Structures are given as structure tokens and as C-alpha cells.
Amino acid sequence: MAKQQINVRVDDDLERRITHLSERTGRTKSFYVTEAIEAFLNDHEDYFLAKDAIDEFRQSDDSAIALEDVQWPS
């Protein structure tokens, strides 16, 4: 997969923290910034998927199932 470059500006404290972590672990700053962006996107994509599912359910005529009636796999 081709990698694309994105330039961002961060404050001095954030740059210092990323640099310190990078030096301490031997990983690149790009590695940690990419990991942070991926975690952020995963969280927000999950949030909007759940929000859309709830909105869709609320607009439907379906009835909810009580939590105590859910049969969970063992």
C-alpha cells in the first residue's frame, strides 16, 4: 500500500512528548502519529456506526428487547 504524507502543526509540548517516546522506544514519530490517528478514526467510526444504528432503530417500527431477555452465546 502506498503511503501518503500529511503535514500537521503541533504545539511544543506535544512535539516534545512524541520525540521523547520515539527516542525511548526506537520507533519513529511517524509511527506514533499514525497509531494515534488510526485509534482516533476507529473510535469515531465506531461511534457514528452505533449512532446511525440507533437512529435507524428509533425510526423503525421495531420493538426493543429487554436486556434480561437477550440470550448470550456461552
PDB file of N, CA and C in Angstrom:
ATOM      1  N   MET A   1       0.846  -1.171   0.000  1.00  0.00           N
ATOM      2  CA  MET A   1       0.000   0.000   0.000  1.00  0.00           C
ATOM      3  C   MET A   1       0.893   1.236   0.000  1.00  0.00           C
ATOM      4  N   ALA A   2       0.577   2.166  -0.872  1.00  0.00           N
ATOM      5  CA  ALA A   2       1.344   3.405  -0.942  1.00  0.00           C
ATOM      6  C   ALA A   2       1.067   4.246   0.297  1.00  0.00           C
ATOM      7  N   LYS A   3       2.064   4.935   0.752  1.00  0.00           N
ATOM      8  CA  LYS A   3       1.906   5.808   1.914  1.00  0.00           C
ATOM      9  C   LYS A   3       1.878   7.248   1.440  1.00  0.00           C
ATOM     10  N   GLN A   4       1.012   8.013   2.053  1.00  0.00           N
ATOM     11  CA  GLN A   4       0.869   9.427   1.723  1.00  0.00           C
ATOM     12  C   GLN A   4       1.419  10.259   2.871  1.00  0.00           C
ATOM     13  N   GLN A   5       1.904  11.411   2.557  1.00  0.00           N
ATOM     14  CA  GLN A   5       2.427  12.308   3.576  1.00  0.00           C
ATOM     15  C   GLN A   5       1.389  13.364   3.908  1.00  0.00           C
ATOM     16  N   ILE A   6       1.221  13.604   5.206  1.00  0.00           N
ATOM     17  CA  ILE A   6       0.341  14.660   5.701  1.00  0.00           C
ATOM     18  C   ILE A   6       1.170  15.502   6.660  1.00  0.00           C
ATOM     19  N   ASN A   7       1.128  16.789   6.486  1.00  0.00           N
ATOM     20  CA  ASN A   7       1.861  17.687   7.375  1.00  0.00           C
ATOM     21  C   ASN A   7       0.901  18.278   8.394  1.00  0.00           C
ATOM     22  N   VAL A   8       1.289  18.235   9.659  1.00  0.00           N
ATOM     23  CA  VAL A   8       0.474  18.822  10.722  1.00  0.00           C
ATOM     24  C   VAL A   8       1.359  19.702  11.599  1.00  0.00           C
ATOM     25  N   ARG A   9       0.738  20.657  12.225  1.00  0.00           N
ATOM     26  CA  ARG A   9       1.443  21.513  13.175  1.00  0.00           C
ATOM     27  C   ARG A   9       0.969  21.131  14.572  1.00  0.00           C
ATOM     28  N   VAL A  10       1.910  20.926  15.469  1.00  0.00           N
ATOM     29  CA  VAL A  10       1.587  20.599  16.860  1.00  0.00           C
ATOM     30  C   VAL A  10       2.332  21.585  17.757  1.00  0.00           C
ATOM     31  N   ASP A  11       1.824  21.746  18.973  1.00  0.00           N
ATOM     32  CA  ASP A  11       2.496  22.663  19.891  1.00  0.00           C
ATOM     33  C   ASP A  11       3.786  22.018  20.410  1.00  0.00           C
ATOM     34  N   ASP A  12       4.604  22.831  21.045  1.00  0.00           N
ATOM     35  CA  ASP A  12       5.921  22.377  21.505  1.00  0.00           C
ATOM     36  C   ASP A  12       5.832  21.202  22.470  1.00  0.00           C
ATOM     37  N   ASP A  13       4.851  21.234  23.362  1.00  0.00           N
ATOM     38  CA  ASP A  13       4.731  20.169  24.351  1.00  0.00           C
ATOM     39  C   ASP A  13       4.406  18.834  23.687  1.00  0.00           C
ATOM     40  N   LEU A  14       3.488  18.842  22.746  1.00  0.00           N
ATOM     41  CA  LEU A  14       3.129  17.601  22.062  1.00  0.00           C
ATOM     42  C   LEU A  14       4.309  17.070  21.249  1.00  0.00           C
ATOM     43  N   GLU A  15       5.035  17.955  20.600  1.00  0.00           N
ATOM     44  CA  GLU A  15       6.212  17.535  19.832  1.00  0.00           C
ATOM     45  C   GLU A  15       7.274  16.944  20.755  1.00  0.00           C
ATOM     46  N   ARG A  16       7.467  17.557  21.912  1.00  0.00           N
ATOM     47  CA  ARG A  16       8.444  17.058  22.883  1.00  0.00           C
ATOM     48  C   ARG A  16       8.061  15.660  23.354  1.00  0.00           C
ATOM     49  N   ARG A  17       6.773  15.464  23.632  1.00  0.00           N
ATOM     50  CA  ARG A  17       6.301  14.158  24.112  1.00  0.00           C
ATOM     51  C   ARG A  17       6.471  13.081  23.046  1.00  0.00           C
ATOM     52  N   ILE A  18       6.122  13.410  21.803  1.00  0.00           N
ATOM     53  CA  ILE A  18       6.268  12.431  20.719  1.00  0.00           C
ATOM     54  C   ILE A  18       7.740  12.109  20.512  1.00  0.00           C
ATOM     55  N   THR A  19       8.578  13.126  20.538  1.00  0.00           N
ATOM     56  CA  THR A  19      10.019  12.911  20.361  1.00  0.00           C
ATOM     57  C   THR A  19      10.569  12.040  21.484  1.00  0.00           C
ATOM     58  N   HIS A  20      10.197  12.329  22.716  1.00  0.00           N
ATOM     59  CA  HIS A  20      10.671  11.554  23.865  1.00  0.00           C
ATOM     60  C   HIS A  20      10.257  10.087  23.741  1.00  0.00           C
ATOM     61  N   LEU A  21       8.995   9.855  23.415  1.00  0.00           N
ATOM     62  CA  LEU A  21       8.508   8.484  23.256  1.00  0.00           C
ATOM     63  C   LEU A  21       9.245   7.779  22.126  1.00  0.00           C
ATOM     64  N   SER A  22       9.451   8.475  21.041  1.00  0.00           N
ATOM     65  CA  SER A  22      10.146   7.918  19.893  1.00  0.00           C
ATOM     66  C   SER A  22      11.576   7.526  20.252  1.00  0.00           C
ATOM     67  N   GLU A  23      12.282   8.403  20.928  1.00  0.00           N
ATOM     68  CA  GLU A  23      13.663   8.123  21.323  1.00  0.00           C
ATOM     69  C   GLU A  23      13.733   6.993  22.335  1.00  0.00           C
ATOM     70  N   ARG A  24      12.790   6.944  23.234  1.00  0.00           N
ATOM     71  CA  ARG A  24      12.797   5.913  24.284  1.00  0.00           C
ATOM     72  C   ARG A  24      12.515   4.521  23.732  1.00  0.00           C
ATOM     73  N   THR A  25      11.707   4.445  22.698  1.00  0.00           N
ATOM     74  CA  THR A  25      11.280   3.142  22.180  1.00  0.00           C
ATOM     75  C   THR A  25      11.970   2.726  20.897  1.00  0.00           C
ATOM     76  N   GLY A  26      12.635   3.661  20.241  1.00  0.00           N
ATOM     77  CA  GLY A  26      13.275   3.342  18.972  1.00  0.00           C
ATOM     78  C   GLY A  26      12.308   3.332  17.787  1.00  0.00           C
ATOM     79  N   ARG A  27      11.085   3.751  18.013  1.00  0.00           N
ATOM     80  CA  ARG A  27      10.098   3.873  16.931  1.00  0.00           C
ATOM     81  C   ARG A  27      10.138   5.299  16.401  1.00  0.00           C
ATOM     82  N   THR A  28       9.653   5.486  15.194  1.00  0.00           N
ATOM     83  CA  THR A  28       9.647   6.821  14.628  1.00  0.00           C
ATOM     84  C   THR A  28       8.467   7.636  15.152  1.00  0.00           C
ATOM     85  N   LYS A  29       8.614   8.948  15.056  1.00  0.00           N
ATOM     86  CA  LYS A  29       7.494   9.820  15.412  1.00  0.00           C
ATOM     87  C   LYS A  29       6.316   9.542  14.490  1.00  0.00           C
ATOM     88  N   SER A  30       6.602   9.282  13.224  1.00  0.00           N
ATOM     89  CA  SER A  30       5.535   8.970  12.268  1.00  0.00           C
ATOM     90  C   SER A  30       4.754   7.738  12.692  1.00  0.00           C
ATOM     91  N   PHE A  31       5.441   6.737  13.255  1.00  0.00           N
ATOM     92  CA  PHE A  31       4.760   5.536  13.727  1.00  0.00           C
ATOM     93  C   PHE A  31       3.716   5.906  14.777  1.00  0.00           C
ATOM     94  N   TYR A  32       4.107   6.707  15.771  1.00  0.00           N
ATOM     95  CA  TYR A  32       3.186   7.050  16.851  1.00  0.00           C
ATOM     96  C   TYR A  32       2.062   7.975  16.389  1.00  0.00           C
ATOM     97  N   VAL A  33       2.358   8.905  15.512  1.00  0.00           N
ATOM     98  CA  VAL A  33       1.308   9.788  14.999  1.00  0.00           C
ATOM     99  C   VAL A  33       0.304   8.965  14.184  1.00  0.00           C
ATOM    100  N   THR A  34       0.802   8.034  13.366  1.00  0.00           N
ATOM    101  CA  THR A  34      -0.085   7.173  12.581  1.00  0.00           C
ATOM    102  C   THR A  34      -0.943   6.310  13.497  1.00  0.00           C
ATOM    103  N   GLU A  35      -0.352   5.737  14.543  1.00  0.00           N
ATOM    104  CA  GLU A  35      -1.109   4.931  15.508  1.00  0.00           C
ATOM    105  C   GLU A  35      -2.194   5.767  16.183  1.00  0.00           C
ATOM    106  N   ALA A  36      -1.857   6.992  16.549  1.00  0.00           N
ATOM    107  CA  ALA A  36      -2.828   7.861  17.218  1.00  0.00           C
ATOM    108  C   ALA A  36      -3.979   8.223  16.284  1.00  0.00           C
ATOM    109  N   ILE A  37      -3.666   8.537  15.038  1.00  0.00           N
ATOM    110  CA  ILE A  37      -4.718   8.869  14.074  1.00  0.00           C
ATOM    111  C   ILE A  37      -5.609   7.661  13.824  1.00  0.00           C
ATOM    112  N   GLU A  38      -5.004   6.488  13.685  1.00  0.00           N
ATOM    113  CA  GLU A  38      -5.791   5.279  13.451  1.00  0.00           C
ATOM    114  C   GLU A  38      -6.729   4.988  14.626  1.00  0.00           C
ATOM    115  N   ALA A  39      -6.237   5.125  15.848  1.00  0.00           N
ATOM    116  CA  ALA A  39      -7.080   4.886  17.033  1.00  0.00           C
ATOM    117  C   ALA A  39      -8.223   5.906  17.075  1.00  0.00           C
ATOM    118  N   PHE A  40      -7.919   7.158  16.784  1.00  0.00           N
ATOM    119  CA  PHE A  40      -8.944   8.204  16.755  1.00  0.00           C
ATOM    120  C   PHE A  40     -10.018   7.881  15.724  1.00  0.00           C
ATOM    121  N   LEU A  41      -9.591   7.517  14.517  1.00  0.00           N
ATOM    122  CA  LEU A  41     -10.553   7.204  13.459  1.00  0.00           C
ATOM    123  C   LEU A  41     -11.385   5.978  13.812  1.00  0.00           C
ATOM    124  N   ASN A  42     -10.757   4.944  14.356  1.00  0.00           N
ATOM    125  CA  ASN A  42     -11.503   3.741  14.752  1.00  0.00           C
ATOM    126  C   ASN A  42     -12.589   4.082  15.773  1.00  0.00           C
ATOM    127  N   ASP A  43     -12.223   4.869  16.778  1.00  0.00           N
ATOM    128  CA  ASP A  43     -13.197   5.262  17.806  1.00  0.00           C
ATOM    129  C   ASP A  43     -14.348   6.065  17.208  1.00  0.00           C
ATOM    130  N   HIS A  44     -14.033   7.018  16.366  1.00  0.00           N
ATOM    131  CA  HIS A  44     -15.075   7.872  15.799  1.00  0.00           C
ATOM    132  C   HIS A  44     -15.931   7.117  14.774  1.00  0.00           C
ATOM    133  N   GLU A  45     -15.325   6.244  13.996  1.00  0.00           N
ATOM    134  CA  GLU A  45     -16.114   5.432  13.066  1.00  0.00           C
ATOM    135  C   GLU A  45     -17.062   4.521  13.830  1.00  0.00           C
ATOM    136  N   ASP A  46     -16.587   3.907  14.916  1.00  0.00           N
ATOM    137  CA  ASP A  46     -17.455   3.065  15.748  1.00  0.00           C
ATOM    138  C   ASP A  46     -18.601   3.876  16.341  1.00  0.00           C
ATOM    139  N   TYR A  47     -18.287   5.087  16.818  1.00  0.00           N
ATOM    140  CA  TYR A  47     -19.313   5.950  17.401  1.00  0.00           C
ATOM    141  C   TYR A  47     -20.409   6.240  16.376  1.00  0.00           C
ATOM    142  N   PHE A  48     -20.021   6.647  15.177  1.00  0.00           N
ATOM    143  CA  PHE A  48     -21.018   7.012  14.176  1.00  0.00           C
ATOM    144  C   PHE A  48     -21.767   5.798  13.649  1.00  0.00           C
ATOM    145  N   LEU A  49     -21.124   4.638  13.598  1.00  0.00           N
ATOM    146  CA  LEU A  49     -21.821   3.409  13.220  1.00  0.00           C
ATOM    147  C   LEU A  49     -22.910   3.106  14.247  1.00  0.00           C
ATOM    148  N   ALA A  50     -22.564   3.198  15.528  1.00  0.00           N
ATOM    149  CA  ALA A  50     -23.549   2.958  16.591  1.00  0.00           C
ATOM    150  C   ALA A  50     -24.642   4.019  16.574  1.00  0.00           C
ATOM    151  N   LYS A  51     -24.268   5.280  16.394  1.00  0.00           N
ATOM    152  CA  LYS A  51     -25.250   6.364  16.347  1.00  0.00           C
ATOM    153  C   LYS A  51     -26.222   6.151  15.196  1.00  0.00           C
ATOM    154  N   ASP A  52     -25.709   5.799  14.020  1.00  0.00           N
ATOM    155  CA  ASP A  52     -26.575   5.563  12.865  1.00  0.00           C
ATOM    156  C   ASP A  52     -27.496   4.374  13.096  1.00  0.00           C
ATOM    157  N   ALA A  53     -26.981   3.320  13.748  1.00  0.00           N
ATOM    158  CA  ALA A  53     -27.805   2.138  14.030  1.00  0.00           C
ATOM    159  C   ALA A  53     -28.930   2.498  15.006  1.00  0.00           C
ATOM    160  N   ILE A  54     -28.625   3.293  16.015  1.00  0.00           N
ATOM    161  CA  ILE A  54     -29.655   3.719  16.977  1.00  0.00           C
ATOM    162  C   ILE A  54     -30.685   4.605  16.292  1.00  0.00           C
ATOM    163  N   ASP A  55     -30.226   5.539  15.467  1.00  0.00           N
ATOM    164  CA  ASP A  55     -31.152   6.411  14.745  1.00  0.00           C
ATOM    165  C   ASP A  55     -32.067   5.591  13.838  1.00  0.00           C
ATOM    166  N   GLU A  56     -31.490   4.616  13.139  1.00  0.00           N
ATOM    167  CA  GLU A  56     -32.281   3.759  12.254  1.00  0.00           C
ATOM    168  C   GLU A  56     -33.303   2.960  13.051  1.00  0.00           C
ATOM    169  N   PHE A  57     -32.894   2.430  14.211  1.00  0.00           N
ATOM    170  CA  PHE A  57     -33.818   1.674  15.047  1.00  0.00           C
ATOM    171  C   PHE A  57     -34.962   2.567  15.541  1.00  0.00           C
ATOM    172  N   ARG A  58     -34.627   3.758  15.988  1.00  0.00           N
ATOM    173  CA  ARG A  58     -35.653   4.676  16.510  1.00  0.00           C
ATOM    174  C   ARG A  58     -36.669   5.069  15.437  1.00  0.00           C
ATOM    175  N   GLN A  59     -36.247   5.087  14.181  1.00  0.00           N
ATOM    176  CA  GLN A  59     -37.147   5.449  13.091  1.00  0.00           C
ATOM    177  C   GLN A  59     -37.953   4.251  12.587  1.00  0.00           C
ATOM    178  N   SER A  60     -37.613   3.053  13.047  1.00  0.00           N
ATOM    179  CA  SER A  60     -38.319   1.852  12.606  1.00  0.00           C
ATOM    180  C   SER A  60     -39.513   1.583  13.520  1.00  0.00           C
ATOM    181  N   ASP A  61     -40.306   0.602  13.121  1.00  0.00           N
ATOM    182  CA  ASP A  61     -41.439   0.180  13.955  1.00  0.00           C
ATOM    183  C   ASP A  61     -41.060  -1.005  14.839  1.00  0.00           C
ATOM    184  N   ASP A  62     -39.766  -1.353  14.862  1.00  0.00           N
ATOM    185  CA  ASP A  62     -39.312  -2.492  15.663  1.00  0.00           C
ATOM    186  C   ASP A  62     -39.426  -2.173  17.146  1.00  0.00           C
ATOM    187  N   SER A  63     -39.668  -3.209  17.941  1.00  0.00           N
ATOM    188  CA  SER A  63     -39.700  -3.012  19.385  1.00  0.00           C
ATOM    189  C   SER A  63     -38.381  -3.506  19.986  1.00  0.00           C
ATOM    190  N   ALA A  64     -38.031  -2.907  21.092  1.00  0.00           N
ATOM    191  CA  ALA A  64     -36.781  -3.263  21.762  1.00  0.00           C
ATOM    192  C   ALA A  64     -36.943  -4.561  22.533  1.00  0.00           C
ATOM    193  N   ILE A  65     -35.849  -5.239  22.756  1.00  0.00           N
ATOM    194  CA  ILE A  65     -35.817  -6.453  23.571  1.00  0.00           C
ATOM    195  C   ILE A  65     -35.180  -6.079  24.902  1.00  0.00           C
ATOM    196  N   ALA A  66     -35.798  -6.482  25.988  1.00  0.00           N
ATOM    197  CA  ALA A  66     -35.229  -6.207  27.310  1.00  0.00           C
ATOM    198  C   ALA A  66     -33.894  -6.927  27.445  1.00  0.00           C
ATOM    199  N   LEU A  67     -32.967  -6.289  28.075  1.00  0.00           N
ATOM    200  CA  LEU A  67     -31.629  -6.855  28.219  1.00  0.00           C
ATOM    201  C   LEU A  67     -31.653  -8.223  28.873  1.00  0.00           C
ATOM    202  N   GLU A  68     -32.528  -8.413  29.863  1.00  0.00           N
ATOM    203  CA  GLU A  68     -32.601  -9.695  30.564  1.00  0.00           C
ATOM    204  C   GLU A  68     -33.167 -10.802  29.654  1.00  0.00           C
ATOM    205  N   ASP A  69     -33.782 -10.426  28.539  1.00  0.00           N
ATOM    206  CA  ASP A  69     -34.331 -11.432  27.602  1.00  0.00           C
ATOM    207  C   ASP A  69     -33.337 -11.799  26.487  1.00  0.00           C
ATOM    208  N   VAL A  70     -32.209 -11.145  26.449  1.00  0.00           N
ATOM    209  CA  VAL A  70     -31.194 -11.456  25.421  1.00  0.00           C
ATOM    210  C   VAL A  70     -30.531 -12.776  25.774  1.00  0.00           C
ATOM    211  N   GLN A  71     -30.413 -13.641  24.785  1.00  0.00           N
ATOM    212  CA  GLN A  71     -29.739 -14.925  25.009  1.00  0.00           C
ATOM    213  C   GLN A  71     -28.311 -14.786  24.471  1.00  0.00           C
ATOM    214  N   TRP A  72     -27.383 -14.718  25.400  1.00  0.00           N
ATOM    215  CA  TRP A  72     -25.989 -14.533  25.060  1.00  0.00           C
ATOM    216  C   TRP A  72     -25.325 -15.866  24.764  1.00  0.00           C
ATOM    217  N   PRO A  73     -24.443 -15.923  23.762  1.00  0.00           N
ATOM    218  CA  PRO A  73     -23.729 -17.180  23.496  1.00  0.00           C
ATOM    219  C   PRO A  73     -22.804 -17.514  24.664  1.00  0.00           C
ATOM    220  N   SER A  74     -22.645 -18.796  24.924  1.00  0.00           N
ATOM    221  CA  SER A  74     -21.771 -19.169  26.051  1.00  0.00           C
ATOM    222  C   SER A  74     -20.391 -19.498  25.613  1.00  0.00           C
TER     223      SER A  74
END
